[in-house]
Amino acid sequence: MLSYTWPSLLAACILCTLNLGVADLSAQSSDIDRGKAILQQKCARCHGIGRTDESHHPQAPPFRDVVKRYPVEDLAESLAEGITSGHPEMPEFVFQPDEINAILAYLDNLKHPTQNDP
């Protein structure tokens, strides 16, 4: 039978917690990178998608401004059902749940100016 001392059990719990935290951070970073890639592919021809780039279309706000105007989590439904806009040049996109999670992770990251843009 194995016997554990209280300090060794506590140390094991801390290590497990730290490892889970690293996995979460890695998954978040991966989602952020994937979200940026999706937006680069689908939206960057009109919208500024980064922290400093300008939009190429005058009616397309940079996403860093969009996240100031709307709570990021409120955009999930629009991304799932298809975003329509007031100008006819914008195509309607419908994203899958895993794409939506990645896009939201990237947009949420834009709200934090101290973090590096992936």
N, C-alpha and C. Protein backbone atom coordinates (compact mmCIF):
# COMPACT_ATOMS: atom_id res chain seq x y z
N MET A 1 0.84 -1.17 0.00
CA MET A 1 0.00 0.00 0.00
C MET A 1 0.89 1.24 0.00
N LEU A 2 0.50 2.20 -0.82
CA LEU A 2 1.25 3.44 -0.89
C LEU A 2 0.82 4.34 0.25
N SER A 3 1.78 5.03 0.80
CA SER A 3 1.42 6.01 1.82
C SER A 3 1.95 7.37 1.38
N TYR A 4 1.14 8.37 1.56
CA TYR A 4 1.50 9.72 1.17
C TYR A 4 1.55 10.59 2.40
N THR A 5 2.53 11.46 2.44
CA THR A 5 2.56 12.44 3.51
C THR A 5 1.78 13.65 3.06
N TRP A 6 1.31 14.41 3.96
CA TRP A 6 0.52 15.60 3.66
C TRP A 6 1.32 16.56 2.75
N PRO A 7 2.58 16.88 3.03
CA PRO A 7 3.33 17.78 2.14
C PRO A 7 3.50 17.22 0.72
N SER A 8 3.73 15.91 0.60
CA SER A 8 3.91 15.37 -0.76
C SER A 8 2.59 15.38 -1.52
N LEU A 9 1.49 15.13 -0.84
CA LEU A 9 0.18 15.18 -1.47
C LEU A 9 -0.14 16.60 -1.91
N LEU A 10 0.15 17.56 -1.07
CA LEU A 10 -0.08 18.97 -1.40
C LEU A 10 0.78 19.37 -2.60
N ALA A 11 2.03 18.96 -2.61
CA ALA A 11 2.92 19.28 -3.73
C ALA A 11 2.40 18.66 -5.03
N ALA A 12 1.91 17.44 -4.96
CA ALA A 12 1.37 16.78 -6.15
C ALA A 12 0.15 17.54 -6.67
N CYS A 13 -0.71 17.99 -5.77
CA CYS A 13 -1.90 18.75 -6.17
C CYS A 13 -1.51 20.07 -6.83
N ILE A 14 -0.52 20.74 -6.27
CA ILE A 14 -0.07 22.01 -6.84
C ILE A 14 0.50 21.78 -8.24
N LEU A 15 1.31 20.75 -8.40
CA LEU A 15 1.88 20.47 -9.72
C LEU A 15 0.80 20.16 -10.75
N CYS A 16 -0.20 19.39 -10.35
CA CYS A 16 -1.30 19.08 -11.26
C CYS A 16 -2.05 20.35 -11.66
N THR A 17 -2.30 21.21 -10.69
CA THR A 17 -3.00 22.46 -10.96
C THR A 17 -2.18 23.33 -11.90
N LEU A 18 -0.88 23.42 -11.67
CA LEU A 18 -0.03 24.22 -12.55
C LEU A 18 -0.01 23.65 -13.96
N ASN A 19 0.05 22.35 -14.08
CA ASN A 19 0.03 21.73 -15.41
C ASN A 19 -1.28 22.00 -16.13
N LEU A 20 -2.40 21.94 -15.42
CA LEU A 20 -3.70 22.25 -16.04
C LEU A 20 -3.73 23.70 -16.48
N GLY A 21 -3.17 24.59 -15.68
CA GLY A 21 -3.13 26.01 -16.04
C GLY A 21 -2.32 26.24 -17.29
N VAL A 22 -1.21 25.56 -17.43
CA VAL A 22 -0.38 25.69 -18.63
C VAL A 22 -1.14 25.16 -19.84
N ALA A 23 -1.85 24.05 -19.68
CA ALA A 23 -2.63 23.51 -20.79
C ALA A 23 -3.73 24.49 -21.19
N ASP A 24 -4.38 25.12 -20.20
CA ASP A 24 -5.42 26.10 -20.51
C ASP A 24 -4.83 27.29 -21.27
N LEU A 25 -3.67 27.79 -20.82
CA LEU A 25 -3.04 28.91 -21.50
C LEU A 25 -2.65 28.54 -22.92
N SER A 26 -2.16 27.34 -23.10
CA SER A 26 -1.77 26.87 -24.42
C SER A 26 -3.00 26.78 -25.33
N ALA A 27 -4.09 26.25 -24.79
CA ALA A 27 -5.33 26.14 -25.58
C ALA A 27 -5.86 27.52 -25.92
N GLN A 28 -5.81 28.46 -24.97
CA GLN A 28 -6.27 29.82 -25.24
C GLN A 28 -5.43 30.46 -26.33
N SER A 29 -4.12 30.30 -26.23
CA SER A 29 -3.23 30.87 -27.24
C SER A 29 -3.51 30.27 -28.61
N SER A 30 -3.76 28.97 -28.64
CA SER A 30 -4.07 28.29 -29.89
C SER A 30 -5.38 28.82 -30.47
N ASP A 31 -6.40 29.02 -29.63
CA ASP A 31 -7.67 29.58 -30.09
C ASP A 31 -7.48 31.00 -30.62
N ILE A 32 -6.68 31.78 -29.90
CA ILE A 32 -6.43 33.16 -30.33
C ILE A 32 -5.77 33.17 -31.71
N ASP A 33 -4.75 32.34 -31.87
CA ASP A 33 -4.07 32.26 -33.17
C ASP A 33 -5.01 31.80 -34.27
N ARG A 34 -5.83 30.80 -33.97
CA ARG A 34 -6.77 30.28 -34.96
C ARG A 34 -7.83 31.33 -35.31
N GLY A 35 -8.32 32.02 -34.29
CA GLY A 35 -9.31 33.07 -34.53
C GLY A 35 -8.77 34.18 -35.42
N LYS A 36 -7.52 34.56 -35.16
CA LYS A 36 -6.90 35.58 -36.00
C LYS A 36 -6.77 35.09 -37.43
N ALA A 37 -6.39 33.84 -37.61
CA ALA A 37 -6.24 33.28 -38.96
C ALA A 37 -7.58 33.26 -39.70
N ILE A 38 -8.65 32.90 -39.00
CA ILE A 38 -9.98 32.88 -39.63
C ILE A 38 -10.37 34.29 -40.06
N LEU A 39 -10.16 35.25 -39.17
CA LEU A 39 -10.52 36.64 -39.51
C LEU A 39 -9.63 37.19 -40.62
N GLN A 40 -8.38 36.79 -40.61
CA GLN A 40 -7.47 37.22 -41.68
C GLN A 40 -8.00 36.72 -43.02
N GLN A 41 -8.43 35.47 -43.06
CA GLN A 41 -8.90 34.87 -44.30
C GLN A 41 -10.24 35.45 -44.75
N LYS A 42 -11.17 35.63 -43.82
CA LYS A 42 -12.54 36.00 -44.19
C LYS A 42 -12.81 37.51 -44.17
N CYS A 43 -12.08 38.26 -43.34
CA CYS A 43 -12.52 39.62 -43.05
C CYS A 43 -11.49 40.72 -43.35
N ALA A 44 -10.22 40.36 -43.45
CA ALA A 44 -9.16 41.38 -43.52
C ALA A 44 -9.16 42.18 -44.82
N ARG A 45 -9.84 41.70 -45.84
CA ARG A 45 -9.85 42.50 -47.07
C ARG A 45 -10.63 43.80 -46.88
N CYS A 46 -11.50 43.83 -45.87
CA CYS A 46 -12.25 45.06 -45.58
C CYS A 46 -11.94 45.63 -44.20
N HIS A 47 -11.87 44.76 -43.19
CA HIS A 47 -11.71 45.20 -41.80
C HIS A 47 -10.25 45.19 -41.36
N GLY A 48 -9.90 46.14 -40.51
CA GLY A 48 -8.66 46.05 -39.77
C GLY A 48 -8.88 45.01 -38.68
N ILE A 49 -8.06 43.97 -38.64
CA ILE A 49 -8.30 42.92 -37.65
C ILE A 49 -7.31 42.95 -36.50
N GLY A 50 -6.26 43.74 -36.61
CA GLY A 50 -5.24 43.79 -35.57
C GLY A 50 -5.42 44.98 -34.64
N ARG A 51 -4.38 45.22 -33.88
CA ARG A 51 -4.41 46.31 -32.90
C ARG A 51 -4.19 47.68 -33.53
N THR A 52 -3.56 47.75 -34.70
CA THR A 52 -3.22 49.05 -35.27
C THR A 52 -3.56 49.21 -36.74
N ASP A 53 -3.86 48.12 -37.46
CA ASP A 53 -4.10 48.24 -38.90
C ASP A 53 -5.43 48.93 -39.18
N GLU A 54 -5.47 49.59 -40.32
CA GLU A 54 -6.68 50.31 -40.71
C GLU A 54 -7.56 49.43 -41.59
N SER A 55 -8.84 49.71 -41.58
CA SER A 55 -9.77 48.99 -42.46
C SER A 55 -9.59 49.48 -43.89
N HIS A 56 -9.72 48.56 -44.84
CA HIS A 56 -9.60 48.90 -46.25
C HIS A 56 -10.91 49.42 -46.83
N HIS A 57 -12.00 49.12 -46.19
CA HIS A 57 -13.32 49.56 -46.65
C HIS A 57 -13.80 50.65 -45.67
N PRO A 58 -14.27 51.78 -46.18
CA PRO A 58 -14.65 52.88 -45.29
C PRO A 58 -15.81 52.57 -44.35
N GLN A 59 -16.66 51.62 -44.71
CA GLN A 59 -17.80 51.27 -43.85
C GLN A 59 -17.52 50.08 -42.95
N ALA A 60 -16.31 49.57 -42.98
CA ALA A 60 -15.96 48.39 -42.18
C ALA A 60 -15.09 48.82 -41.00
N PRO A 61 -15.65 48.81 -39.80
CA PRO A 61 -14.86 49.25 -38.64
C PRO A 61 -13.76 48.24 -38.30
N PRO A 62 -12.63 48.74 -37.80
CA PRO A 62 -11.61 47.80 -37.30
C PRO A 62 -12.20 47.00 -36.14
N PHE A 63 -11.80 45.74 -36.03
CA PHE A 63 -12.36 44.90 -34.98
C PHE A 63 -11.98 45.39 -33.59
N ARG A 64 -10.86 46.09 -33.44
CA ARG A 64 -10.49 46.63 -32.13
C ARG A 64 -11.53 47.66 -31.66
N ASP A 65 -12.22 48.32 -32.63
CA ASP A 65 -13.29 49.25 -32.28
C ASP A 65 -14.60 48.51 -32.01
N VAL A 66 -14.83 47.43 -32.75
CA VAL A 66 -16.05 46.63 -32.56
C VAL A 66 -16.09 46.10 -31.13
N VAL A 67 -14.96 45.61 -30.61
CA VAL A 67 -14.96 45.03 -29.27
C VAL A 67 -15.11 46.09 -28.18
N LYS A 68 -14.91 47.36 -28.53
CA LYS A 68 -15.18 48.44 -27.58
C LYS A 68 -16.68 48.76 -27.53
N ARG A 69 -17.36 48.53 -28.63
CA ARG A 69 -18.79 48.87 -28.74
C ARG A 69 -19.72 47.75 -28.29
N TYR A 70 -19.28 46.50 -28.48
CA TYR A 70 -20.15 45.36 -28.19
C TYR A 70 -19.42 44.37 -27.28
N PRO A 71 -20.13 43.81 -26.31
CA PRO A 71 -19.50 42.73 -25.54
C PRO A 71 -19.19 41.55 -26.46
N VAL A 72 -17.98 41.04 -26.37
CA VAL A 72 -17.53 39.97 -27.27
C VAL A 72 -18.49 38.79 -27.24
N GLU A 73 -18.92 38.39 -26.04
CA GLU A 73 -19.79 37.22 -25.93
C GLU A 73 -21.13 37.42 -26.65
N ASP A 74 -21.55 38.69 -26.83
CA ASP A 74 -22.80 38.96 -27.54
C ASP A 74 -22.67 38.75 -29.05
N LEU A 75 -21.46 38.63 -29.55
CA LEU A 75 -21.26 38.43 -30.98
C LEU A 75 -21.41 36.97 -31.41
N ALA A 76 -21.42 36.05 -30.46
CA ALA A 76 -21.47 34.62 -30.78
C ALA A 76 -22.70 34.27 -31.61
N GLU A 77 -23.85 34.77 -31.23
CA GLU A 77 -25.08 34.43 -31.95
C GLU A 77 -25.04 34.96 -33.39
N SER A 78 -24.55 36.17 -33.55
CA SER A 78 -24.45 36.74 -34.90
C SER A 78 -23.49 35.94 -35.77
N LEU A 79 -22.38 35.49 -35.19
CA LEU A 79 -21.43 34.69 -35.94
C LEU A 79 -22.03 33.34 -36.35
N ALA A 80 -22.90 32.80 -35.51
CA ALA A 80 -23.51 31.50 -35.80
C ALA A 80 -24.64 31.62 -36.82
N GLU A 81 -25.38 32.70 -36.78
CA GLU A 81 -26.54 32.85 -37.65
C GLU A 81 -26.24 33.58 -38.94
N GLY A 82 -25.12 34.26 -38.97
CA GLY A 82 -24.75 35.03 -40.16
C GLY A 82 -24.84 36.51 -39.89
N ILE A 83 -23.74 37.17 -40.06
CA ILE A 83 -23.71 38.61 -39.84
C ILE A 83 -24.11 39.28 -41.15
N THR A 84 -25.08 40.17 -41.05
CA THR A 84 -25.45 40.97 -42.20
C THR A 84 -25.13 42.42 -41.85
N SER A 85 -24.85 43.20 -42.85
CA SER A 85 -24.47 44.58 -42.58
C SER A 85 -25.27 45.53 -43.45
N GLY A 86 -25.02 46.78 -43.23
CA GLY A 86 -25.74 47.81 -43.96
C GLY A 86 -25.17 48.12 -45.33
N HIS A 87 -24.09 47.47 -45.73
CA HIS A 87 -23.56 47.74 -47.06
C HIS A 87 -23.52 46.45 -47.88
N PRO A 88 -23.85 46.53 -49.14
CA PRO A 88 -24.05 45.32 -49.96
C PRO A 88 -22.77 44.55 -50.28
N GLU A 89 -21.60 45.14 -50.12
CA GLU A 89 -20.36 44.45 -50.48
C GLU A 89 -19.98 43.36 -49.48
N MET A 90 -20.52 43.43 -48.27
CA MET A 90 -20.12 42.47 -47.26
C MET A 90 -20.83 41.14 -47.47
N PRO A 91 -20.06 40.07 -47.65
CA PRO A 91 -20.70 38.76 -47.77
C PRO A 91 -21.23 38.30 -46.41
N GLU A 92 -22.18 37.40 -46.44
CA GLU A 92 -22.70 36.85 -45.18
C GLU A 92 -21.91 35.60 -44.85
N PHE A 93 -21.34 35.59 -43.66
CA PHE A 93 -20.59 34.44 -43.19
C PHE A 93 -21.35 33.75 -42.07
N VAL A 94 -21.34 32.44 -42.07
CA VAL A 94 -21.88 31.64 -40.97
C VAL A 94 -20.73 30.74 -40.51
N PHE A 95 -20.40 30.83 -39.24
CA PHE A 95 -19.26 30.09 -38.71
C PHE A 95 -19.72 28.91 -37.86
N GLN A 96 -18.88 27.90 -37.79
CA GLN A 96 -19.12 26.71 -36.97
C GLN A 96 -18.75 27.02 -35.52
N PRO A 97 -19.29 26.25 -34.56
CA PRO A 97 -19.03 26.52 -33.14
C PRO A 97 -17.54 26.62 -32.77
N ASP A 98 -16.70 25.72 -33.30
CA ASP A 98 -15.28 25.79 -32.95
C ASP A 98 -14.64 27.04 -33.56
N GLU A 99 -15.10 27.47 -34.72
CA GLU A 99 -14.59 28.71 -35.32
C GLU A 99 -15.04 29.91 -34.51
N ILE A 100 -16.27 29.88 -34.04
CA ILE A 100 -16.81 30.98 -33.23
C ILE A 100 -16.00 31.12 -31.95
N ASN A 101 -15.71 30.00 -31.28
CA ASN A 101 -14.92 30.06 -30.05
C ASN A 101 -13.55 30.67 -30.31
N ALA A 102 -12.93 30.30 -31.41
CA ALA A 102 -11.62 30.85 -31.75
C ALA A 102 -11.70 32.34 -32.07
N ILE A 103 -12.71 32.73 -32.84
CA ILE A 103 -12.88 34.14 -33.18
C ILE A 103 -13.12 34.96 -31.92
N LEU A 104 -13.98 34.47 -31.04
CA LEU A 104 -14.25 35.20 -29.80
C LEU A 104 -13.01 35.31 -28.92
N ALA A 105 -12.20 34.26 -28.89
CA ALA A 105 -10.95 34.30 -28.12
C ALA A 105 -10.04 35.39 -28.68
N TYR A 106 -9.94 35.47 -30.00
CA TYR A 106 -9.10 36.51 -30.61
C TYR A 106 -9.66 37.90 -30.33
N LEU A 107 -10.97 38.08 -30.53
CA LEU A 107 -11.58 39.39 -30.29
C LEU A 107 -11.44 39.81 -28.83
N ASP A 108 -11.61 38.87 -27.93
CA ASP A 108 -11.44 39.17 -26.51
C ASP A 108 -10.00 39.60 -26.24
N ASN A 109 -9.06 38.98 -26.90
CA ASN A 109 -7.65 39.33 -26.75
C ASN A 109 -7.38 40.77 -27.21
N LEU A 110 -8.14 41.24 -28.20
CA LEU A 110 -7.97 42.61 -28.67
C LEU A 110 -8.32 43.65 -27.61
N LYS A 111 -9.18 43.27 -26.67
CA LYS A 111 -9.59 44.20 -25.61
C LYS A 111 -8.47 44.47 -24.61
N HIS A 112 -7.42 43.67 -24.61
CA HIS A 112 -6.37 43.77 -23.62
C HIS A 112 -5.10 44.31 -24.26
N PRO A 113 -4.88 45.62 -24.20
CA PRO A 113 -3.76 46.22 -24.92
C PRO A 113 -2.37 45.82 -24.43
N THR A 114 -2.26 45.24 -23.26
CA THR A 114 -0.94 44.87 -22.75
C THR A 114 -0.49 43.52 -23.26
N GLN A 115 -1.40 42.73 -23.82
CA GLN A 115 -1.02 41.42 -24.32
C GLN A 115 -0.49 41.55 -25.75
N ASN A 116 0.39 40.67 -26.11
CA ASN A 116 0.94 40.69 -27.47
C ASN A 116 -0.08 40.16 -28.46
N ASP A 117 -0.08 40.76 -29.63
CA ASP A 117 -0.93 40.28 -30.71
C ASP A 117 -0.26 39.07 -31.33
N PRO A 118 -0.97 37.93 -31.37
CA PRO A 118 -0.33 36.74 -31.95
C PRO A 118 -0.07 36.87 -33.43
